[in-house]
Amino acid sequence: MELTFDVKVTAKDLYRYNMRNAYTSFQGILSIICAALVVFVFVWKFDALNVPYIILFIVLALAFLLYIPISLWIRSSQIVKTSDVFKEPLTFVFGDESIAVTSPIMTEEDEVNLPYNDVFRVTKTSKDILIYTNRVSAYIIPREQVTALESQLLEMLKSKVEDFKIKGF
């Protein structure tokens, strides 16, 4: 059985993926802890703070909370605008032995043939199906673009990928 479909990854899709990776990493968790610590000290010592320190604490809290999301949005938008990979839809072909990924702009050397044994992890989120090739890199399949084929795709992945590599199904 073979399952074929096209996916057009947008800046919003890439941003959502990058946010997930950022806030499940050490850097993201540390930024949340630092922001919480700054807010805690600000509230705890508010009566003893003068205006410059109040402004400093507010700026620090905002920096810890907003830097990662804003920088990821800018980077995701730039990547989608400048990278040839995102200009055309990717064609996924889920075959019996592997996943083939092609695009009209790819040459034969660029085309990907990913055996199911080499899949690092498959994660289903509320918006995406992520097929990881390693700990960080994944193919993003927005669920809204494959609604008609989603159940077939999930069943195929369950049958082809080892159980311990599947999350969120």
N, C-alpha and C. Protein backbone atom coordinates (compact mmCIF):
# COMPACT_ATOMS: atom_id res chain seq x y z
N MET A 1 0.84 -1.18 0.00
CA MET A 1 0.00 0.00 0.00
C MET A 1 0.88 1.24 0.00
N GLU A 2 0.52 2.20 -0.79
CA GLU A 2 1.28 3.44 -0.90
C GLU A 2 0.35 4.62 -0.63
N LEU A 3 0.87 5.61 0.08
CA LEU A 3 0.10 6.80 0.43
C LEU A 3 0.89 8.02 -0.05
N THR A 4 0.27 8.84 -0.91
CA THR A 4 0.96 9.99 -1.48
C THR A 4 0.14 11.25 -1.25
N PHE A 5 0.83 12.33 -0.84
CA PHE A 5 0.17 13.62 -0.67
C PHE A 5 1.21 14.73 -0.70
N ASP A 6 0.74 15.96 -0.94
CA ASP A 6 1.60 17.14 -0.95
C ASP A 6 1.35 17.97 0.30
N VAL A 7 2.42 18.62 0.78
CA VAL A 7 2.33 19.47 1.96
C VAL A 7 3.09 20.75 1.67
N LYS A 8 2.46 21.88 1.95
CA LYS A 8 3.11 23.19 1.83
C LYS A 8 3.33 23.73 3.23
N VAL A 9 4.58 23.76 3.67
CA VAL A 9 4.91 24.23 5.01
C VAL A 9 4.99 25.76 4.98
N THR A 10 4.24 26.39 5.88
CA THR A 10 4.21 27.85 5.97
C THR A 10 5.09 28.34 7.11
N ALA A 11 5.25 29.66 7.19
CA ALA A 11 6.03 30.25 8.29
C ALA A 11 5.38 29.92 9.63
N LYS A 12 4.06 29.90 9.66
CA LYS A 12 3.33 29.58 10.90
C LYS A 12 3.62 28.14 11.34
N ASP A 13 3.66 27.21 10.39
CA ASP A 13 3.97 25.81 10.70
C ASP A 13 5.39 25.66 11.24
N LEU A 14 6.33 26.32 10.57
CA LEU A 14 7.73 26.25 10.99
C LEU A 14 7.91 26.91 12.36
N TYR A 15 7.23 28.01 12.59
CA TYR A 15 7.28 28.71 13.89
C TYR A 15 6.76 27.80 15.01
N ARG A 16 5.63 27.17 14.77
CA ARG A 16 5.05 26.28 15.77
C ARG A 16 6.02 25.14 16.11
N TYR A 17 6.66 24.58 15.10
CA TYR A 17 7.64 23.52 15.29
C TYR A 17 8.85 24.03 16.09
N ASN A 18 9.36 25.19 15.72
CA ASN A 18 10.51 25.76 16.41
C ASN A 18 10.19 26.12 17.86
N MET A 19 8.98 26.62 18.11
CA MET A 19 8.58 26.94 19.49
C MET A 19 8.53 25.66 20.32
N ARG A 20 8.00 24.60 19.76
CA ARG A 20 7.92 23.32 20.47
C ARG A 20 9.33 22.85 20.84
N ASN A 21 10.24 22.91 19.87
CA ASN A 21 11.62 22.49 20.14
C ASN A 21 12.30 23.41 21.15
N ALA A 22 12.06 24.72 21.04
CA ALA A 22 12.72 25.67 21.93
C ALA A 22 12.27 25.49 23.38
N TYR A 23 10.98 25.34 23.59
CA TYR A 23 10.47 25.29 24.96
C TYR A 23 10.49 23.89 25.56
N THR A 24 10.95 22.91 24.83
CA THR A 24 11.20 21.60 25.43
C THR A 24 12.69 21.37 25.58
N SER A 25 13.48 22.40 25.26
CA SER A 25 14.94 22.30 25.39
C SER A 25 15.38 23.00 26.68
N PHE A 26 16.63 22.85 27.01
CA PHE A 26 17.19 23.48 28.21
C PHE A 26 17.05 25.00 28.15
N GLN A 27 17.34 25.60 26.99
CA GLN A 27 17.28 27.05 26.84
C GLN A 27 15.87 27.59 27.12
N GLY A 28 14.86 26.93 26.59
CA GLY A 28 13.49 27.39 26.79
C GLY A 28 13.04 27.25 28.22
N ILE A 29 13.36 26.12 28.83
CA ILE A 29 12.99 25.90 30.23
C ILE A 29 13.71 26.89 31.13
N LEU A 30 14.99 27.15 30.84
CA LEU A 30 15.76 28.11 31.62
C LEU A 30 15.18 29.51 31.49
N SER A 31 14.74 29.91 30.30
CA SER A 31 14.17 31.25 30.13
C SER A 31 12.87 31.41 30.91
N ILE A 32 12.07 30.35 30.98
CA ILE A 32 10.83 30.41 31.77
C ILE A 32 11.16 30.50 33.26
N ILE A 33 12.13 29.72 33.71
CA ILE A 33 12.53 29.77 35.12
C ILE A 33 13.07 31.15 35.48
N CYS A 34 13.91 31.73 34.61
CA CYS A 34 14.48 33.05 34.87
C CYS A 34 13.38 34.12 34.90
N ALA A 35 12.44 34.04 33.98
CA ALA A 35 11.33 35.00 33.97
C ALA A 35 10.51 34.87 35.24
N ALA A 36 10.23 33.66 35.66
CA ALA A 36 9.46 33.44 36.89
C ALA A 36 10.24 33.97 38.10
N LEU A 37 11.54 33.75 38.12
CA LEU A 37 12.37 34.24 39.21
C LEU A 37 12.37 35.77 39.26
N VAL A 38 12.50 36.41 38.13
CA VAL A 38 12.49 37.87 38.07
C VAL A 38 11.14 38.40 38.56
N VAL A 39 10.04 37.80 38.11
CA VAL A 39 8.71 38.24 38.55
C VAL A 39 8.55 38.01 40.05
N PHE A 40 9.01 36.87 40.56
CA PHE A 40 8.91 36.57 41.99
C PHE A 40 9.66 37.62 42.82
N VAL A 41 10.91 37.91 42.45
CA VAL A 41 11.70 38.90 43.19
C VAL A 41 11.06 40.28 43.06
N PHE A 42 10.55 40.61 41.89
CA PHE A 42 9.89 41.90 41.67
C PHE A 42 8.70 42.06 42.63
N VAL A 43 7.85 41.03 42.71
CA VAL A 43 6.67 41.10 43.59
C VAL A 43 7.10 41.08 45.05
N TRP A 44 8.08 40.27 45.38
CA TRP A 44 8.54 40.11 46.77
C TRP A 44 9.16 41.40 47.30
N LYS A 45 9.96 42.07 46.48
CA LYS A 45 10.69 43.27 46.90
C LYS A 45 10.10 44.57 46.35
N PHE A 46 8.87 44.53 45.85
CA PHE A 46 8.29 45.69 45.18
C PHE A 46 8.31 46.95 46.05
N ASP A 47 7.96 46.83 47.32
CA ASP A 47 7.91 48.01 48.20
C ASP A 47 9.28 48.65 48.40
N ALA A 48 10.34 47.87 48.30
CA ALA A 48 11.70 48.38 48.53
C ALA A 48 12.35 48.90 47.24
N LEU A 49 11.72 48.71 46.10
CA LEU A 49 12.33 49.09 44.82
C LEU A 49 12.01 50.54 44.47
N ASN A 50 13.02 51.23 43.92
CA ASN A 50 12.75 52.55 43.38
C ASN A 50 12.46 52.42 41.88
N VAL A 51 12.10 53.49 41.23
CA VAL A 51 11.62 53.47 39.85
C VAL A 51 12.61 52.83 38.86
N PRO A 52 13.90 53.15 38.90
CA PRO A 52 14.81 52.50 37.94
C PRO A 52 14.82 50.97 38.08
N TYR A 53 14.76 50.46 39.30
CA TYR A 53 14.75 49.01 39.50
C TYR A 53 13.42 48.39 39.06
N ILE A 54 12.34 49.10 39.27
CA ILE A 54 11.04 48.61 38.80
C ILE A 54 11.07 48.46 37.28
N ILE A 55 11.59 49.47 36.61
CA ILE A 55 11.70 49.43 35.14
C ILE A 55 12.64 48.30 34.72
N LEU A 56 13.76 48.13 35.42
CA LEU A 56 14.71 47.07 35.10
C LEU A 56 14.07 45.69 35.23
N PHE A 57 13.33 45.47 36.31
CA PHE A 57 12.69 44.17 36.50
C PHE A 57 11.65 43.90 35.42
N ILE A 58 10.89 44.91 35.05
CA ILE A 58 9.88 44.73 33.99
C ILE A 58 10.56 44.42 32.67
N VAL A 59 11.62 45.12 32.35
CA VAL A 59 12.35 44.89 31.10
C VAL A 59 12.96 43.49 31.10
N LEU A 60 13.55 43.07 32.21
CA LEU A 60 14.14 41.74 32.29
C LEU A 60 13.08 40.65 32.11
N ALA A 61 11.95 40.79 32.78
CA ALA A 61 10.88 39.79 32.65
C ALA A 61 10.39 39.71 31.21
N LEU A 62 10.17 40.86 30.59
CA LEU A 62 9.72 40.87 29.20
C LEU A 62 10.77 40.28 28.26
N ALA A 63 12.03 40.57 28.53
CA ALA A 63 13.10 40.03 27.69
C ALA A 63 13.12 38.50 27.77
N PHE A 64 13.03 37.95 28.98
CA PHE A 64 13.04 36.50 29.13
C PHE A 64 11.81 35.86 28.50
N LEU A 65 10.68 36.52 28.59
CA LEU A 65 9.44 35.94 28.06
C LEU A 65 9.26 36.14 26.56
N LEU A 66 9.76 37.23 26.01
CA LEU A 66 9.47 37.56 24.62
C LEU A 66 10.60 37.32 23.63
N TYR A 67 11.85 37.25 24.11
CA TYR A 67 12.97 37.13 23.19
C TYR A 67 12.87 35.88 22.31
N ILE A 68 12.66 34.73 22.92
CA ILE A 68 12.62 33.48 22.14
C ILE A 68 11.47 33.47 21.14
N PRO A 69 10.22 33.77 21.56
CA PRO A 69 9.14 33.75 20.57
C PRO A 69 9.33 34.74 19.42
N ILE A 70 9.78 35.95 19.73
CA ILE A 70 9.96 36.95 18.67
C ILE A 70 11.10 36.55 17.74
N SER A 71 12.22 36.11 18.30
CA SER A 71 13.35 35.73 17.44
C SER A 71 13.00 34.51 16.58
N LEU A 72 12.24 33.57 17.14
CA LEU A 72 11.84 32.40 16.35
C LEU A 72 10.86 32.78 15.24
N TRP A 73 9.96 33.72 15.51
CA TRP A 73 9.03 34.15 14.47
C TRP A 73 9.78 34.82 13.32
N ILE A 74 10.72 35.69 13.67
CA ILE A 74 11.50 36.39 12.63
C ILE A 74 12.30 35.37 11.83
N ARG A 75 12.96 34.45 12.52
CA ARG A 75 13.79 33.45 11.82
C ARG A 75 12.94 32.53 10.95
N SER A 76 11.79 32.09 11.45
CA SER A 76 10.90 31.22 10.66
C SER A 76 10.41 31.93 9.41
N SER A 77 10.02 33.18 9.56
CA SER A 77 9.55 33.95 8.40
C SER A 77 10.65 34.12 7.36
N GLN A 78 11.85 34.44 7.82
CA GLN A 78 12.97 34.62 6.89
C GLN A 78 13.32 33.31 6.18
N ILE A 79 13.32 32.21 6.91
CA ILE A 79 13.66 30.93 6.30
C ILE A 79 12.65 30.56 5.22
N VAL A 80 11.37 30.73 5.51
CA VAL A 80 10.34 30.38 4.53
C VAL A 80 10.43 31.28 3.30
N LYS A 81 10.75 32.56 3.50
CA LYS A 81 10.86 33.49 2.38
C LYS A 81 12.09 33.23 1.51
N THR A 82 13.20 32.83 2.14
CA THR A 82 14.45 32.75 1.40
C THR A 82 14.84 31.33 0.96
N SER A 83 14.32 30.32 1.60
CA SER A 83 14.72 28.96 1.28
C SER A 83 13.89 28.40 0.13
N ASP A 84 14.56 27.82 -0.83
CA ASP A 84 13.88 27.22 -1.97
C ASP A 84 13.00 26.04 -1.56
N VAL A 85 13.38 25.35 -0.50
CA VAL A 85 12.64 24.17 -0.06
C VAL A 85 11.19 24.50 0.28
N PHE A 86 10.96 25.71 0.80
CA PHE A 86 9.62 26.08 1.23
C PHE A 86 8.81 26.80 0.14
N LYS A 87 9.41 27.03 -1.01
CA LYS A 87 8.69 27.73 -2.08
C LYS A 87 7.66 26.83 -2.77
N GLU A 88 7.93 25.56 -2.83
CA GLU A 88 7.04 24.59 -3.48
C GLU A 88 6.60 23.55 -2.46
N PRO A 89 5.46 22.92 -2.70
CA PRO A 89 5.02 21.86 -1.78
C PRO A 89 5.96 20.66 -1.83
N LEU A 90 6.07 19.99 -0.70
CA LEU A 90 6.82 18.74 -0.64
C LEU A 90 5.85 17.60 -0.92
N THR A 91 6.29 16.63 -1.68
CA THR A 91 5.47 15.45 -1.96
C THR A 91 6.00 14.31 -1.10
N PHE A 92 5.11 13.76 -0.27
CA PHE A 92 5.45 12.62 0.58
C PHE A 92 4.85 11.37 -0.03
N VAL A 93 5.66 10.34 -0.16
CA VAL A 93 5.19 9.04 -0.62
C VAL A 93 5.55 8.02 0.47
N PHE A 94 4.54 7.54 1.17
CA PHE A 94 4.74 6.54 2.21
C PHE A 94 4.56 5.17 1.57
N GLY A 95 5.68 4.49 1.36
CA GLY A 95 5.65 3.18 0.72
C GLY A 95 5.74 2.06 1.75
N ASP A 96 5.98 0.86 1.26
CA ASP A 96 6.08 -0.30 2.14
C ASP A 96 7.36 -0.30 2.97
N GLU A 97 8.45 0.22 2.40
CA GLU A 97 9.75 0.15 3.07
C GLU A 97 10.26 1.49 3.57
N SER A 98 9.80 2.61 2.95
CA SER A 98 10.40 3.90 3.29
C SER A 98 9.45 5.05 2.97
N ILE A 99 9.89 6.23 3.38
CA ILE A 99 9.18 7.47 3.10
C ILE A 99 10.03 8.24 2.10
N ALA A 100 9.45 8.56 0.96
CA ALA A 100 10.15 9.36 -0.05
C ALA A 100 9.63 10.79 0.03
N VAL A 101 10.56 11.74 0.01
CA VAL A 101 10.19 13.16 0.05
C VAL A 101 10.82 13.83 -1.16
N THR A 102 9.96 14.43 -1.99
CA THR A 102 10.44 15.10 -3.19
C THR A 102 9.78 16.47 -3.31
N SER A 103 10.32 17.26 -4.20
CA SER A 103 9.79 18.58 -4.49
C SER A 103 10.16 18.92 -5.93
N PRO A 104 9.36 19.76 -6.59
CA PRO A 104 9.69 20.14 -7.97
C PRO A 104 11.05 20.81 -8.12
N ILE A 105 11.53 21.44 -7.06
CA ILE A 105 12.83 22.13 -7.16
C ILE A 105 14.01 21.23 -6.81
N MET A 106 13.73 20.05 -6.28
CA MET A 106 14.82 19.14 -5.90
C MET A 106 15.37 18.40 -7.10
N THR A 107 16.67 18.21 -7.08
CA THR A 107 17.29 17.34 -8.07
C THR A 107 17.21 15.91 -7.54
N GLU A 108 17.58 14.95 -8.35
CA GLU A 108 17.54 13.55 -7.91
C GLU A 108 18.44 13.31 -6.71
N GLU A 109 19.56 14.02 -6.65
CA GLU A 109 20.48 13.86 -5.53
C GLU A 109 19.89 14.41 -4.23
N ASP A 110 18.99 15.41 -4.33
CA ASP A 110 18.39 16.04 -3.15
C ASP A 110 17.22 15.25 -2.59
N GLU A 111 16.62 14.41 -3.41
CA GLU A 111 15.43 13.67 -2.96
C GLU A 111 15.78 12.76 -1.80
N VAL A 112 14.84 12.64 -0.88
CA VAL A 112 15.06 11.89 0.35
C VAL A 112 14.30 10.57 0.28
N ASN A 113 14.95 9.52 0.71
CA ASN A 113 14.32 8.22 0.85
C ASN A 113 14.66 7.74 2.26
N LEU A 114 13.70 7.87 3.17
CA LEU A 114 13.92 7.59 4.58
C LEU A 114 13.31 6.24 4.96
N PRO A 115 14.15 5.22 5.17
CA PRO A 115 13.61 3.93 5.61
C PRO A 115 12.94 4.07 6.98
N TYR A 116 11.88 3.32 7.19
CA TYR A 116 11.15 3.40 8.45
C TYR A 116 12.04 3.08 9.65
N ASN A 117 13.03 2.22 9.46
CA ASN A 117 13.96 1.89 10.55
C ASN A 117 14.81 3.09 10.97
N ASP A 118 15.03 4.04 10.04
CA ASP A 118 15.84 5.22 10.33
C ASP A 118 15.04 6.37 10.93
N VAL A 119 13.73 6.22 11.04
CA VAL A 119 12.92 7.27 11.67
C VAL A 119 13.29 7.32 13.14
N PHE A 120 13.65 8.50 13.62
CA PHE A 120 14.06 8.65 15.02
C PHE A 120 12.84 8.64 15.95
N ARG A 121 11.79 9.38 15.54
CA ARG A 121 10.58 9.46 16.35
C ARG A 121 9.46 10.04 15.49
N VAL A 122 8.23 9.66 15.80
CA VAL A 122 7.05 10.25 15.16
C VAL A 122 6.18 10.79 16.29
N THR A 123 5.84 12.08 16.18
CA THR A 123 5.03 12.73 17.21
C THR A 123 3.81 13.36 16.58
N LYS A 124 2.66 13.09 17.17
CA LYS A 124 1.42 13.73 16.74
C LYS A 124 1.07 14.79 17.77
N THR A 125 0.96 16.04 17.32
CA THR A 125 0.54 17.13 18.19
C THR A 125 -0.87 17.55 17.78
N SER A 126 -1.38 18.56 18.42
CA SER A 126 -2.73 19.02 18.07
C SER A 126 -2.79 19.60 16.66
N LYS A 127 -1.68 20.06 16.13
CA LYS A 127 -1.66 20.70 14.81
C LYS A 127 -0.82 19.98 13.76
N ASP A 128 0.13 19.16 14.19
CA ASP A 128 1.10 18.59 13.24
C ASP A 128 1.34 17.11 13.50
N ILE A 129 1.87 16.47 12.46
CA ILE A 129 2.49 15.17 12.60
C ILE A 129 3.96 15.41 12.26
N LEU A 130 4.83 15.11 13.21
CA LEU A 130 6.25 15.38 13.05
C LEU A 130 7.00 14.06 12.90
N ILE A 131 7.73 13.94 11.81
CA ILE A 131 8.54 12.75 11.56
C ILE A 131 10.00 13.16 11.73
N TYR A 132 10.55 12.81 12.89
CA TYR A 132 11.92 13.21 13.23
C TYR A 132 12.93 12.28 12.55
N THR A 133 13.97 12.90 11.98
CA THR A 133 15.07 12.14 11.42
C THR A 133 16.23 12.06 12.40
N ASN A 134 16.23 12.93 13.39
CA ASN A 134 17.18 12.91 14.51
C ASN A 134 16.53 13.65 15.68
N ARG A 135 17.27 13.99 16.70
CA ARG A 135 16.66 14.61 17.89
C ARG A 135 16.06 15.97 17.62
N VAL A 136 16.54 16.68 16.60
CA VAL A 136 16.12 18.06 16.37
C VAL A 136 15.35 18.24 15.05
N SER A 137 15.76 17.58 14.01
CA SER A 137 15.19 17.80 12.68
C SER A 137 14.00 16.88 12.42
N ALA A 138 12.97 17.48 11.82
CA ALA A 138 11.77 16.68 11.53
C ALA A 138 11.10 17.20 10.27
N TYR A 139 10.37 16.31 9.63
CA TYR A 139 9.47 16.71 8.56
C TYR A 139 8.16 17.11 9.21
N ILE A 140 7.67 18.28 8.85
CA ILE A 140 6.44 18.82 9.43
C ILE A 140 5.30 18.52 8.47
N ILE A 141 4.29 17.83 8.97
CA ILE A 141 3.10 17.57 8.19
C ILE A 141 1.93 18.22 8.93
N PRO A 142 1.50 19.41 8.50
CA PRO A 142 0.37 20.06 9.16
C PRO A 142 -0.89 19.20 9.00
N ARG A 143 -1.54 18.89 10.10
CA ARG A 143 -2.69 17.99 10.08
C ARG A 143 -3.84 18.56 9.26
N GLU A 144 -3.96 19.89 9.22
CA GLU A 144 -5.05 20.50 8.44
C GLU A 144 -4.91 20.26 6.94
N GLN A 145 -3.69 19.93 6.50
CA GLN A 145 -3.47 19.68 5.08
C GLN A 145 -3.66 18.21 4.69
N VAL A 146 -3.80 17.34 5.68
CA VAL A 146 -3.96 15.91 5.37
C VAL A 146 -5.17 15.32 6.09
N THR A 147 -6.18 16.12 6.34
CA THR A 147 -7.32 15.64 7.13
C THR A 147 -7.98 14.41 6.51
N ALA A 148 -8.10 14.37 5.19
CA ALA A 148 -8.76 13.24 4.54
C ALA A 148 -7.92 11.96 4.64
N LEU A 149 -6.61 12.10 4.71
CA LEU A 149 -5.72 10.94 4.74
C LEU A 149 -5.12 10.67 6.12
N GLU A 150 -5.47 11.49 7.11
CA GLU A 150 -4.79 11.41 8.40
C GLU A 150 -4.91 10.04 9.06
N SER A 151 -6.08 9.46 9.09
CA SER A 151 -6.23 8.16 9.75
C SER A 151 -5.41 7.08 9.04
N GLN A 152 -5.38 7.11 7.70
CA GLN A 152 -4.56 6.15 6.95
C GLN A 152 -3.07 6.36 7.24
N LEU A 153 -2.67 7.63 7.28
CA LEU A 153 -1.27 7.95 7.55
C LEU A 153 -0.86 7.47 8.94
N LEU A 154 -1.69 7.73 9.93
CA LEU A 154 -1.36 7.32 11.30
C LEU A 154 -1.31 5.79 11.42
N GLU A 155 -2.24 5.12 10.77
CA GLU A 155 -2.22 3.65 10.79
C GLU A 155 -0.97 3.10 10.13
N MET A 156 -0.58 3.72 9.01
CA MET A 156 0.62 3.26 8.31
C MET A 156 1.86 3.48 9.19
N LEU A 157 1.94 4.64 9.82
CA LEU A 157 3.09 4.92 10.68
C LEU A 157 3.12 3.96 11.87
N LYS A 158 1.95 3.67 12.45
CA LYS A 158 1.89 2.72 13.57
C LYS A 158 2.37 1.33 13.16
N SER A 159 2.04 0.94 11.95
CA SER A 159 2.43 -0.40 11.51
C SER A 159 3.88 -0.49 11.04
N LYS A 160 4.46 0.62 10.62
CA LYS A 160 5.82 0.58 10.04
C LYS A 160 6.91 1.04 11.02
N VAL A 161 6.56 1.92 11.96
CA VAL A 161 7.56 2.46 12.89
C VAL A 161 7.42 1.74 14.23
N GLU A 162 8.56 1.46 14.84
CA GLU A 162 8.55 0.76 16.12
C GLU A 162 7.75 1.55 17.16
N ASP A 163 7.02 0.82 18.02
CA ASP A 163 6.11 1.43 18.99
C ASP A 163 6.78 2.46 19.89
N PHE A 164 7.99 2.18 20.35
CA PHE A 164 8.64 3.10 21.29
C PHE A 164 9.03 4.44 20.64
N LYS A 165 8.98 4.52 19.33
CA LYS A 165 9.32 5.75 18.62
C LYS A 165 8.09 6.61 18.33
N ILE A 166 6.91 6.14 18.70
CA ILE A 166 5.67 6.85 18.40
C ILE A 166 5.15 7.53 19.66
N LYS A 167 4.85 8.83 19.54
CA LYS A 167 4.37 9.61 20.67
C LYS A 167 3.09 10.36 20.28
N GLY A 168 2.12 10.35 21.15
CA GLY A 168 0.92 11.16 20.96
C GLY A 168 -0.17 10.54 20.12
N PHE A 169 -0.06 9.27 19.75
CA PHE A 169 -1.09 8.62 18.93
C PHE A 169 -2.18 8.08 19.82
